[in-house]
Amino acid sequence: MSRAEPIDLLKQASPRGLDPAQRESMVIVLLIFFIGLIVLLSIDFNTAPPTFQPMVLLFGILVAAIIWFARRVGQPFRKCPACTRVIPGYSVYCPICGQRLP
């Protein structure tokens, strides 16, 4: 009877285990959540008609833009032409198959 390999749940839950498209969509979802939270926090519900505090909103949007920009400038990825795996953009050789990259 063959033995099944154990599932590495930590690797599956880790952002490093995701491909670049999944990671990018995860960052976008987190930024949308963050901006929505900042919009809610910028409304002061303690006053008679609730007042809006634009400085809190502007600060939140600025922080979200910095997070998005830092993610976009991060390490690029590319595909190996031999094994078609996604690898770091700075690689000279594919770490999976050993093929020299162009």
PDB file of N, CA and C in Angstrom:
ATOM      1  N   MET A   1       0.844  -1.169   0.000  1.00  0.00           N
ATOM      2  CA  MET A   1       0.000   0.000   0.000  1.00  0.00           C
ATOM      3  C   MET A   1       0.890   1.232   0.000  1.00  0.00           C
ATOM      4  N   SER A   2       0.634   2.141  -0.945  1.00  0.00           N
ATOM      5  CA  SER A   2       1.461   3.343  -1.017  1.00  0.00           C
ATOM      6  C   SER A   2       1.026   4.340   0.042  1.00  0.00           C
ATOM      7  N   ARG A   3       1.972   5.080   0.460  1.00  0.00           N
ATOM      8  CA  ARG A   3       1.712   6.056   1.512  1.00  0.00           C
ATOM      9  C   ARG A   3       1.551   7.428   0.894  1.00  0.00           C
ATOM     10  N   ALA A   4       0.478   8.119   1.226  1.00  0.00           N
ATOM     11  CA  ALA A   4       0.231   9.462   0.688  1.00  0.00           C
ATOM     12  C   ALA A   4       1.125  10.462   1.396  1.00  0.00           C
ATOM     13  N   GLU A   5       1.569  11.455   0.643  1.00  0.00           N
ATOM     14  CA  GLU A   5       2.385  12.502   1.250  1.00  0.00           C
ATOM     15  C   GLU A   5       1.496  13.415   2.089  1.00  0.00           C
ATOM     16  N   PRO A   6       2.005  13.850   3.249  1.00  0.00           N
ATOM     17  CA  PRO A   6       1.203  14.768   4.072  1.00  0.00           C
ATOM     18  C   PRO A   6       1.051  16.120   3.384  1.00  0.00           C
ATOM     19  N   ILE A   7      -0.079  16.736   3.606  1.00  0.00           N
ATOM     20  CA  ILE A   7      -0.343  18.056   3.039  1.00  0.00           C
ATOM     21  C   ILE A   7       0.312  19.097   3.930  1.00  0.00           C
ATOM     22  N   ASP A   8       1.083  19.962   3.333  1.00  0.00           N
ATOM     23  CA  ASP A   8       1.744  21.023   4.072  1.00  0.00           C
ATOM     24  C   ASP A   8       0.816  22.230   4.117  1.00  0.00           C
ATOM     25  N   LEU A   9       0.000  22.318   5.171  1.00  0.00           N
ATOM     26  CA  LEU A   9      -0.971  23.404   5.270  1.00  0.00           C
ATOM     27  C   LEU A   9      -0.299  24.752   5.447  1.00  0.00           C
ATOM     28  N   LEU A  10       0.848  24.776   6.107  1.00  0.00           N
ATOM     29  CA  LEU A  10       1.548  26.041   6.308  1.00  0.00           C
ATOM     30  C   LEU A  10       2.037  26.600   4.981  1.00  0.00           C
ATOM     31  N   LYS A  11       2.509  25.731   4.084  1.00  0.00           N
ATOM     32  CA  LYS A  11       2.968  26.195   2.784  1.00  0.00           C
ATOM     33  C   LYS A  11       1.794  26.708   1.956  1.00  0.00           C
ATOM     34  N   GLN A  12       0.635  26.045   2.049  1.00  0.00           N
ATOM     35  CA  GLN A  12      -0.527  26.478   1.291  1.00  0.00           C
ATOM     36  C   GLN A  12      -1.066  27.795   1.822  1.00  0.00           C
ATOM     37  N   ALA A  13      -0.987  28.027   3.124  1.00  0.00           N
ATOM     38  CA  ALA A  13      -1.513  29.260   3.714  1.00  0.00           C
ATOM     39  C   ALA A  13      -0.528  30.413   3.599  1.00  0.00           C
ATOM     40  N   SER A  14       0.711  30.112   3.296  1.00  0.00           N
ATOM     41  CA  SER A  14       1.741  31.138   3.222  1.00  0.00           C
ATOM     42  C   SER A  14       1.625  31.940   1.928  1.00  0.00           C
ATOM     43  N   PRO A  15       1.795  33.277   1.986  1.00  0.00           N
ATOM     44  CA  PRO A  15       1.786  34.057   0.755  1.00  0.00           C
ATOM     45  C   PRO A  15       2.908  33.663  -0.201  1.00  0.00           C
ATOM     46  N   ARG A  16       3.980  33.072   0.300  1.00  0.00           N
ATOM     47  CA  ARG A  16       5.078  32.657  -0.579  1.00  0.00           C
ATOM     48  C   ARG A  16       4.667  31.462  -1.432  1.00  0.00           C
ATOM     49  N   GLY A  17       3.677  30.688  -0.993  1.00  0.00           N
ATOM     50  CA  GLY A  17       3.215  29.546  -1.752  1.00  0.00           C
ATOM     51  C   GLY A  17       2.246  29.922  -2.859  1.00  0.00           C
ATOM     52  N   LEU A  18       1.828  31.174  -2.937  1.00  0.00           N
ATOM     53  CA  LEU A  18       0.882  31.615  -3.952  1.00  0.00           C
ATOM     54  C   LEU A  18       1.609  32.083  -5.198  1.00  0.00           C
ATOM     55  N   ASP A  19       0.945  31.958  -6.339  1.00  0.00           N
ATOM     56  CA  ASP A  19       1.554  32.495  -7.546  1.00  0.00           C
ATOM     57  C   ASP A  19       1.364  34.014  -7.570  1.00  0.00           C
ATOM     58  N   PRO A  20       2.082  34.735  -8.409  1.00  0.00           N
ATOM     59  CA  PRO A  20       2.040  36.205  -8.394  1.00  0.00           C
ATOM     60  C   PRO A  20       0.653  36.790  -8.613  1.00  0.00           C
ATOM     61  N   ALA A  21      -0.177  36.166  -9.445  1.00  0.00           N
ATOM     62  CA  ALA A  21      -1.523  36.701  -9.683  1.00  0.00           C
ATOM     63  C   ALA A  21      -2.376  36.587  -8.425  1.00  0.00           C
ATOM     64  N   GLN A  22      -2.277  35.471  -7.706  1.00  0.00           N
ATOM     65  CA  GLN A  22      -3.027  35.304  -6.465  1.00  0.00           C
ATOM     66  C   GLN A  22      -2.538  36.292  -5.408  1.00  0.00           C
ATOM     67  N   ARG A  23      -1.238  36.483  -5.349  1.00  0.00           N
ATOM     68  CA  ARG A  23      -0.677  37.425  -4.377  1.00  0.00           C
ATOM     69  C   ARG A  23      -1.142  38.851  -4.666  1.00  0.00           C
ATOM     70  N   GLU A  24      -1.159  39.218  -5.961  1.00  0.00           N
ATOM     71  CA  GLU A  24      -1.599  40.565  -6.346  1.00  0.00           C
ATOM     72  C   GLU A  24      -3.063  40.777  -5.993  1.00  0.00           C
ATOM     73  N   SER A  25      -3.902  39.775  -6.245  1.00  0.00           N
ATOM     74  CA  SER A  25      -5.319  39.930  -5.913  1.00  0.00           C
ATOM     75  C   SER A  25      -5.528  39.979  -4.400  1.00  0.00           C
ATOM     76  N   MET A  26      -4.694  39.259  -3.644  1.00  0.00           N
ATOM     77  CA  MET A  26      -4.796  39.317  -2.189  1.00  0.00           C
ATOM     78  C   MET A  26      -4.444  40.716  -1.674  1.00  0.00           C
ATOM     79  N   VAL A  27      -3.432  41.330  -2.258  1.00  0.00           N
ATOM     80  CA  VAL A  27      -3.044  42.690  -1.860  1.00  0.00           C
ATOM     81  C   VAL A  27      -4.159  43.676  -2.195  1.00  0.00           C
ATOM     82  N   ILE A  28      -4.786  43.523  -3.351  1.00  0.00           N
ATOM     83  CA  ILE A  28      -5.866  44.432  -3.745  1.00  0.00           C
ATOM     84  C   ILE A  28      -7.056  44.292  -2.801  1.00  0.00           C
ATOM     85  N   VAL A  29      -7.419  43.065  -2.439  1.00  0.00           N
ATOM     86  CA  VAL A  29      -8.528  42.856  -1.505  1.00  0.00           C
ATOM     87  C   VAL A  29      -8.208  43.480  -0.141  1.00  0.00           C
ATOM     88  N   LEU A  30      -6.984  43.297   0.332  1.00  0.00           N
ATOM     89  CA  LEU A  30      -6.606  43.900   1.613  1.00  0.00           C
ATOM     90  C   LEU A  30      -6.627  45.427   1.549  1.00  0.00           C
ATOM     91  N   LEU A  31      -6.208  46.004   0.432  1.00  0.00           N
ATOM     92  CA  LEU A  31      -6.246  47.461   0.297  1.00  0.00           C
ATOM     93  C   LEU A  31      -7.679  47.978   0.257  1.00  0.00           C
ATOM     94  N   ILE A  32      -8.580  47.279  -0.431  1.00  0.00           N
ATOM     95  CA  ILE A  32      -9.986  47.691  -0.457  1.00  0.00           C
ATOM     96  C   ILE A  32     -10.575  47.622   0.945  1.00  0.00           C
ATOM     97  N   PHE A  33     -10.262  46.560   1.693  1.00  0.00           N
ATOM     98  CA  PHE A  33     -10.732  46.453   3.071  1.00  0.00           C
ATOM     99  C   PHE A  33     -10.174  47.591   3.922  1.00  0.00           C
ATOM    100  N   PHE A  34      -8.882  47.884   3.752  1.00  0.00           N
ATOM    101  CA  PHE A  34      -8.243  48.943   4.532  1.00  0.00           C
ATOM    102  C   PHE A  34      -8.878  50.303   4.241  1.00  0.00           C
ATOM    103  N   ILE A  35      -9.135  50.605   2.972  1.00  0.00           N
ATOM    104  CA  ILE A  35      -9.747  51.891   2.617  1.00  0.00           C
ATOM    105  C   ILE A  35     -11.176  51.967   3.155  1.00  0.00           C
ATOM    106  N   GLY A  36     -11.925  50.870   3.082  1.00  0.00           N
ATOM    107  CA  GLY A  36     -13.275  50.857   3.659  1.00  0.00           C
ATOM    108  C   GLY A  36     -13.251  51.095   5.160  1.00  0.00           C
ATOM    109  N   LEU A  37     -12.302  50.499   5.840  1.00  0.00           N
ATOM    110  CA  LEU A  37     -12.168  50.712   7.285  1.00  0.00           C
ATOM    111  C   LEU A  37     -11.825  52.168   7.591  1.00  0.00           C
ATOM    112  N   ILE A  38     -10.958  52.768   6.814  1.00  0.00           N
ATOM    113  CA  ILE A  38     -10.591  54.169   7.022  1.00  0.00           C
ATOM    114  C   ILE A  38     -11.791  55.083   6.783  1.00  0.00           C
ATOM    115  N   VAL A  39     -12.606  54.767   5.777  1.00  0.00           N
ATOM    116  CA  VAL A  39     -13.809  55.576   5.535  1.00  0.00           C
ATOM    117  C   VAL A  39     -14.728  55.517   6.752  1.00  0.00           C
ATOM    118  N   LEU A  40     -14.919  54.330   7.311  1.00  0.00           N
ATOM    119  CA  LEU A  40     -15.757  54.220   8.508  1.00  0.00           C
ATOM    120  C   LEU A  40     -15.153  54.961   9.703  1.00  0.00           C
ATOM    121  N   LEU A  41     -13.832  54.907   9.833  1.00  0.00           N
ATOM    122  CA  LEU A  41     -13.187  55.593  10.954  1.00  0.00           C
ATOM    123  C   LEU A  41     -13.155  57.111  10.771  1.00  0.00           C
ATOM    124  N   SER A  42     -13.320  57.592   9.544  1.00  0.00           N
ATOM    125  CA  SER A  42     -13.289  59.040   9.323  1.00  0.00           C
ATOM    126  C   SER A  42     -14.628  59.713   9.620  1.00  0.00           C
ATOM    127  N   ILE A  43     -15.656  58.950   9.928  1.00  0.00           N
ATOM    128  CA  ILE A  43     -16.962  59.516  10.281  1.00  0.00           C
ATOM    129  C   ILE A  43     -17.084  59.534  11.798  1.00  0.00           C
ATOM    130  N   ASP A  44     -17.350  60.706  12.348  1.00  0.00           N
ATOM    131  CA  ASP A  44     -17.505  60.867  13.792  1.00  0.00           C
ATOM    132  C   ASP A  44     -18.986  60.729  14.128  1.00  0.00           C
ATOM    133  N   PHE A  45     -19.370  59.579  14.669  1.00  0.00           N
ATOM    134  CA  PHE A  45     -20.774  59.302  14.986  1.00  0.00           C
ATOM    135  C   PHE A  45     -21.199  59.869  16.333  1.00  0.00           C
ATOM    136  N   ASN A  46     -20.291  60.518  17.082  1.00  0.00           N
ATOM    137  CA  ASN A  46     -20.624  61.066  18.397  1.00  0.00           C
ATOM    138  C   ASN A  46     -21.286  62.432  18.317  1.00  0.00           C
ATOM    139  N   THR A  47     -21.266  63.078  17.168  1.00  0.00           N
ATOM    140  CA  THR A  47     -21.892  64.398  17.034  1.00  0.00           C
ATOM    141  C   THR A  47     -23.325  64.239  16.529  1.00  0.00           C
ATOM    142  N   ALA A  48     -24.122  65.318  16.682  1.00  0.00           N
ATOM    143  CA  ALA A  48     -25.559  65.260  16.384  1.00  0.00           C
ATOM    144  C   ALA A  48     -25.842  64.889  14.927  1.00  0.00           C
ATOM    145  N   PRO A  49     -25.475  65.632  13.900  1.00  0.00           N
ATOM    146  CA  PRO A  49     -25.392  64.878  12.649  1.00  0.00           C
ATOM    147  C   PRO A  49     -23.954  64.383  12.546  1.00  0.00           C
ATOM    148  N   PRO A  50     -23.744  63.136  12.169  1.00  0.00           N
ATOM    149  CA  PRO A  50     -22.358  62.634  12.087  1.00  0.00           C
ATOM    150  C   PRO A  50     -21.512  63.497  11.158  1.00  0.00           C
ATOM    151  N   THR A  51     -20.332  63.835  11.614  1.00  0.00           N
ATOM    152  CA  THR A  51     -19.442  64.680  10.816  1.00  0.00           C
ATOM    153  C   THR A  51     -18.362  63.832  10.160  1.00  0.00           C
ATOM    154  N   PHE A  52     -17.860  64.355   9.080  1.00  0.00           N
ATOM    155  CA  PHE A  52     -16.845  63.672   8.291  1.00  0.00           C
ATOM    156  C   PHE A  52     -15.505  64.343   8.529  1.00  0.00           C
ATOM    157  N   GLN A  53     -14.466  63.567   8.786  1.00  0.00           N
ATOM    158  CA  GLN A  53     -13.127  64.094   9.024  1.00  0.00           C
ATOM    159  C   GLN A  53     -12.242  63.738   7.827  1.00  0.00           C
ATOM    160  N   PRO A  54     -12.083  64.663   6.895  1.00  0.00           N
ATOM    161  CA  PRO A  54     -11.354  64.326   5.661  1.00  0.00           C
ATOM    162  C   PRO A  54      -9.872  64.034   5.877  1.00  0.00           C
ATOM    163  N   MET A  55      -9.258  64.564   6.919  1.00  0.00           N
ATOM    164  CA  MET A  55      -7.831  64.319   7.133  1.00  0.00           C
ATOM    165  C   MET A  55      -7.561  62.843   7.449  1.00  0.00           C
ATOM    166  N   VAL A  56      -8.471  62.206   8.185  1.00  0.00           N
ATOM    167  CA  VAL A  56      -8.311  60.778   8.487  1.00  0.00           C
ATOM    168  C   VAL A  56      -8.404  59.972   7.195  1.00  0.00           C
ATOM    169  N   LEU A  57      -9.360  60.339   6.349  1.00  0.00           N
ATOM    170  CA  LEU A  57      -9.529  59.651   5.075  1.00  0.00           C
ATOM    171  C   LEU A  57      -8.305  59.838   4.176  1.00  0.00           C
ATOM    172  N   LEU A  58      -7.790  61.054   4.104  1.00  0.00           N
ATOM    173  CA  LEU A  58      -6.616  61.306   3.277  1.00  0.00           C
ATOM    174  C   LEU A  58      -5.393  60.548   3.781  1.00  0.00           C
ATOM    175  N   PHE A  59      -5.238  60.489   5.093  1.00  0.00           N
ATOM    176  CA  PHE A  59      -4.127  59.727   5.663  1.00  0.00           C
ATOM    177  C   PHE A  59      -4.259  58.245   5.331  1.00  0.00           C
ATOM    178  N   GLY A  60      -5.458  57.694   5.424  1.00  0.00           N
ATOM    179  CA  GLY A  60      -5.683  56.288   5.111  1.00  0.00           C
ATOM    180  C   GLY A  60      -5.410  55.974   3.655  1.00  0.00           C
ATOM    181  N   ILE A  61      -5.839  56.861   2.764  1.00  0.00           N
ATOM    182  CA  ILE A  61      -5.588  56.648   1.343  1.00  0.00           C
ATOM    183  C   ILE A  61      -4.090  56.745   1.049  1.00  0.00           C
ATOM    184  N   LEU A  62      -3.400  57.650   1.721  1.00  0.00           N
ATOM    185  CA  LEU A  62      -1.952  57.774   1.550  1.00  0.00           C
ATOM    186  C   LEU A  62      -1.236  56.498   1.992  1.00  0.00           C
ATOM    187  N   VAL A  63      -1.632  55.947   3.130  1.00  0.00           N
ATOM    188  CA  VAL A  63      -1.015  54.704   3.614  1.00  0.00           C
ATOM    189  C   VAL A  63      -1.314  53.557   2.651  1.00  0.00           C
ATOM    190  N   ALA A  64      -2.545  53.480   2.150  1.00  0.00           N
ATOM    191  CA  ALA A  64      -2.903  52.424   1.200  1.00  0.00           C
ATOM    192  C   ALA A  64      -2.091  52.557  -0.089  1.00  0.00           C
ATOM    193  N   ALA A  65      -1.878  53.781  -0.550  1.00  0.00           N
ATOM    194  CA  ALA A  65      -1.088  54.000  -1.759  1.00  0.00           C
ATOM    195  C   ALA A  65       0.369  53.582  -1.544  1.00  0.00           C
ATOM    196  N   ILE A  66       0.908  53.848  -0.367  1.00  0.00           N
ATOM    197  CA  ILE A  66       2.282  53.439  -0.066  1.00  0.00           C
ATOM    198  C   ILE A  66       2.389  51.917  -0.055  1.00  0.00           C
ATOM    199  N   ILE A  67       1.411  51.239   0.536  1.00  0.00           N
ATOM    200  CA  ILE A  67       1.416  49.772   0.561  1.00  0.00           C
ATOM    201  C   ILE A  67       1.336  49.223  -0.860  1.00  0.00           C
ATOM    202  N   TRP A  68       0.443  49.773  -1.677  1.00  0.00           N
ATOM    203  CA  TRP A  68       0.283  49.300  -3.047  1.00  0.00           C
ATOM    204  C   TRP A  68       1.555  49.529  -3.857  1.00  0.00           C
ATOM    205  N   PHE A  69       2.152  50.710  -3.700  1.00  0.00           N
ATOM    206  CA  PHE A  69       3.370  51.021  -4.447  1.00  0.00           C
ATOM    207  C   PHE A  69       4.520  50.117  -4.016  1.00  0.00           C
ATOM    208  N   ALA A  70       4.641  49.851  -2.717  1.00  0.00           N
ATOM    209  CA  ALA A  70       5.708  48.974  -2.230  1.00  0.00           C
ATOM    210  C   ALA A  70       5.522  47.571  -2.779  1.00  0.00           C
ATOM    211  N   ARG A  71       4.308  47.130  -2.928  1.00  0.00           N
ATOM    212  CA  ARG A  71       4.051  45.801  -3.487  1.00  0.00           C
ATOM    213  C   ARG A  71       4.397  45.761  -4.979  1.00  0.00           C
ATOM    214  N   ARG A  72       4.082  46.824  -5.706  1.00  0.00           N
ATOM    215  CA  ARG A  72       4.346  46.861  -7.142  1.00  0.00           C
ATOM    216  C   ARG A  72       5.841  46.922  -7.437  1.00  0.00           C
ATOM    217  N   VAL A  73       6.613  47.546  -6.560  1.00  0.00           N
ATOM    218  CA  VAL A  73       8.043  47.699  -6.778  1.00  0.00           C
ATOM    219  C   VAL A  73       8.800  46.460  -6.294  1.00  0.00           C
ATOM    220  N   GLY A  74       8.106  45.573  -5.581  1.00  0.00           N
ATOM    221  CA  GLY A  74       8.747  44.379  -5.029  1.00  0.00           C
ATOM    222  C   GLY A  74       9.366  43.489  -6.091  1.00  0.00           C
ATOM    223  N   GLN A  75       9.859  42.370  -5.680  1.00  0.00           N
ATOM    224  CA  GLN A  75      10.573  41.456  -6.558  1.00  0.00           C
ATOM    225  C   GLN A  75       9.680  40.974  -7.700  1.00  0.00           C
ATOM    226  N   PRO A  76      10.116  41.138  -8.944  1.00  0.00           N
ATOM    227  CA  PRO A  76       9.331  40.630 -10.066  1.00  0.00           C
ATOM    228  C   PRO A  76       9.513  39.112 -10.219  1.00  0.00           C
ATOM    229  N   PHE A  77       8.569  38.500 -10.875  1.00  0.00           N
ATOM    230  CA  PHE A  77       8.636  37.070 -11.143  1.00  0.00           C
ATOM    231  C   PHE A  77       8.594  36.845 -12.650  1.00  0.00           C
ATOM    232  N   ARG A  78       9.085  35.694 -13.074  1.00  0.00           N
ATOM    233  CA  ARG A  78       8.992  35.315 -14.481  1.00  0.00           C
ATOM    234  C   ARG A  78       8.866  33.803 -14.558  1.00  0.00           C
ATOM    235  N   LYS A  79       8.572  33.317 -15.756  1.00  0.00           N
ATOM    236  CA  LYS A  79       8.404  31.882 -15.953  1.00  0.00           C
ATOM    237  C   LYS A  79       9.648  31.298 -16.620  1.00  0.00           C
ATOM    238  N   CYS A  80      10.019  30.112 -16.186  1.00  0.00           N
ATOM    239  CA  CYS A  80      11.112  29.383 -16.807  1.00  0.00           C
ATOM    240  C   CYS A  80      10.618  28.869 -18.155  1.00  0.00           C
ATOM    241  N   PRO A  81      11.387  29.073 -19.225  1.00  0.00           N
ATOM    242  CA  PRO A  81      10.938  28.588 -20.538  1.00  0.00           C
ATOM    243  C   PRO A  81      10.946  27.061 -20.650  1.00  0.00           C
ATOM    244  N   ALA A  82      11.729  26.372 -19.836  1.00  0.00           N
ATOM    245  CA  ALA A  82      11.823  24.916 -19.928  1.00  0.00           C
ATOM    246  C   ALA A  82      10.718  24.213 -19.135  1.00  0.00           C
ATOM    247  N   CYS A  83      10.545  24.586 -17.866  1.00  0.00           N
ATOM    248  CA  CYS A  83       9.567  23.876 -17.020  1.00  0.00           C
ATOM    249  C   CYS A  83       8.311  24.695 -16.753  1.00  0.00           C
ATOM    250  N   THR A  84       8.247  25.920 -17.206  1.00  0.00           N
ATOM    251  CA  THR A  84       7.105  26.854 -17.067  1.00  0.00           C
ATOM    252  C   THR A  84       6.702  27.103 -15.618  1.00  0.00           C
ATOM    253  N   ARG A  85       7.625  26.979 -14.687  1.00  0.00           N
ATOM    254  CA  ARG A  85       7.340  27.301 -13.292  1.00  0.00           C
ATOM    255  C   ARG A  85       7.619  28.778 -13.060  1.00  0.00           C
ATOM    256  N   VAL A  86       6.898  29.383 -12.124  1.00  0.00           N
ATOM    257  CA  VAL A  86       7.120  30.784 -11.758  1.00  0.00           C
ATOM    258  C   VAL A  86       8.304  30.840 -10.800  1.00  0.00           C
ATOM    259  N   ILE A  87       9.296  31.651 -11.147  1.00  0.00           N
ATOM    260  CA  ILE A  87      10.528  31.741 -10.358  1.00  0.00           C
ATOM    261  C   ILE A  87      10.848  33.215 -10.103  1.00  0.00           C
ATOM    262  N   PRO A  88      11.712  33.510  -9.134  1.00  0.00           N
ATOM    263  CA  PRO A  88      12.088  34.905  -8.884  1.00  0.00           C
ATOM    264  C   PRO A  88      12.754  35.526 -10.109  1.00  0.00           C
ATOM    265  N   GLY A  89      12.505  36.802 -10.314  1.00  0.00           N
ATOM    266  CA  GLY A  89      13.013  37.498 -11.483  1.00  0.00           C
ATOM    267  C   GLY A  89      14.515  37.682 -11.493  1.00  0.00           C
ATOM    268  N   TYR A  90      15.167  37.595 -10.354  1.00  0.00           N
ATOM    269  CA  TYR A  90      16.603  37.816 -10.287  1.00  0.00           C
ATOM    270  C   TYR A  90      17.399  36.541 -10.580  1.00  0.00           C
ATOM    271  N   SER A  91      16.719  35.402 -10.793  1.00  0.00           N
ATOM    272  CA  SER A  91      17.410  34.129 -11.002  1.00  0.00           C
ATOM    273  C   SER A  91      18.140  34.101 -12.337  1.00  0.00           C
ATOM    274  N   VAL A  92      19.331  33.516 -12.342  1.00  0.00           N
ATOM    275  CA  VAL A  92      20.087  33.296 -13.565  1.00  0.00           C
ATOM    276  C   VAL A  92      19.790  31.882 -14.073  1.00  0.00           C
ATOM    277  N   TYR A  93      19.654  30.931 -13.141  1.00  0.00           N
ATOM    278  CA  TYR A  93      19.289  29.560 -13.456  1.00  0.00           C
ATOM    279  C   TYR A  93      17.967  29.240 -12.767  1.00  0.00           C
ATOM    280  N   CYS A  94      17.159  28.395 -13.391  1.00  0.00           N
ATOM    281  CA  CYS A  94      15.903  27.963 -12.783  1.00  0.00           C
ATOM    282  C   CYS A  94      16.221  27.077 -11.584  1.00  0.00           C
ATOM    283  N   PRO A  95      15.685  27.384 -10.394  1.00  0.00           N
ATOM    284  CA  PRO A  95      15.972  26.554  -9.222  1.00  0.00           C
ATOM    285  C   PRO A  95      15.281  25.187  -9.288  1.00  0.00           C
ATOM    286  N   ILE A  96      14.332  25.005 -10.195  1.00  0.00           N
ATOM    287  CA  ILE A  96      13.613  23.736 -10.288  1.00  0.00           C
ATOM    288  C   ILE A  96      14.322  22.775 -11.258  1.00  0.00           C
ATOM    289  N   CYS A  97      14.550  23.238 -12.506  1.00  0.00           N
ATOM    290  CA  CYS A  97      15.112  22.355 -13.533  1.00  0.00           C
ATOM    291  C   CYS A  97      16.572  22.646 -13.864  1.00  0.00           C
ATOM    292  N   GLY A  98      17.112  23.779 -13.437  1.00  0.00           N
ATOM    293  CA  GLY A  98      18.509  24.087 -13.684  1.00  0.00           C
ATOM    294  C   GLY A  98      18.787  24.735 -15.024  1.00  0.00           C
ATOM    295  N   GLN A  99      17.768  25.029 -15.790  1.00  0.00           N
ATOM    296  CA  GLN A  99      17.924  25.657 -17.106  1.00  0.00           C
ATOM    297  C   GLN A  99      18.454  27.086 -16.957  1.00  0.00           C
ATOM    298  N   ARG A 100      19.431  27.455 -17.792  1.00  0.00           N
ATOM    299  CA  ARG A 100      19.920  28.834 -17.791  1.00  0.00           C
ATOM    300  C   ARG A 100      18.862  29.713 -18.409  1.00  0.00           C
ATOM    301  N   LEU A 101      18.570  30.831 -17.766  1.00  0.00           N
ATOM    302  CA  LEU A 101      17.502  31.709 -18.228  1.00  0.00           C
ATOM    303  C   LEU A 101      18.057  32.790 -19.143  1.00  0.00           C
ATOM    304  N   PRO A 102      17.265  33.209 -20.138  1.00  0.00           N
ATOM    305  CA  PRO A 102      17.742  34.264 -21.069  1.00  0.00           C
ATOM    306  C   PRO A 102      17.848  35.609 -20.400  1.00  0.00           C
TER     307      PRO A 102
END
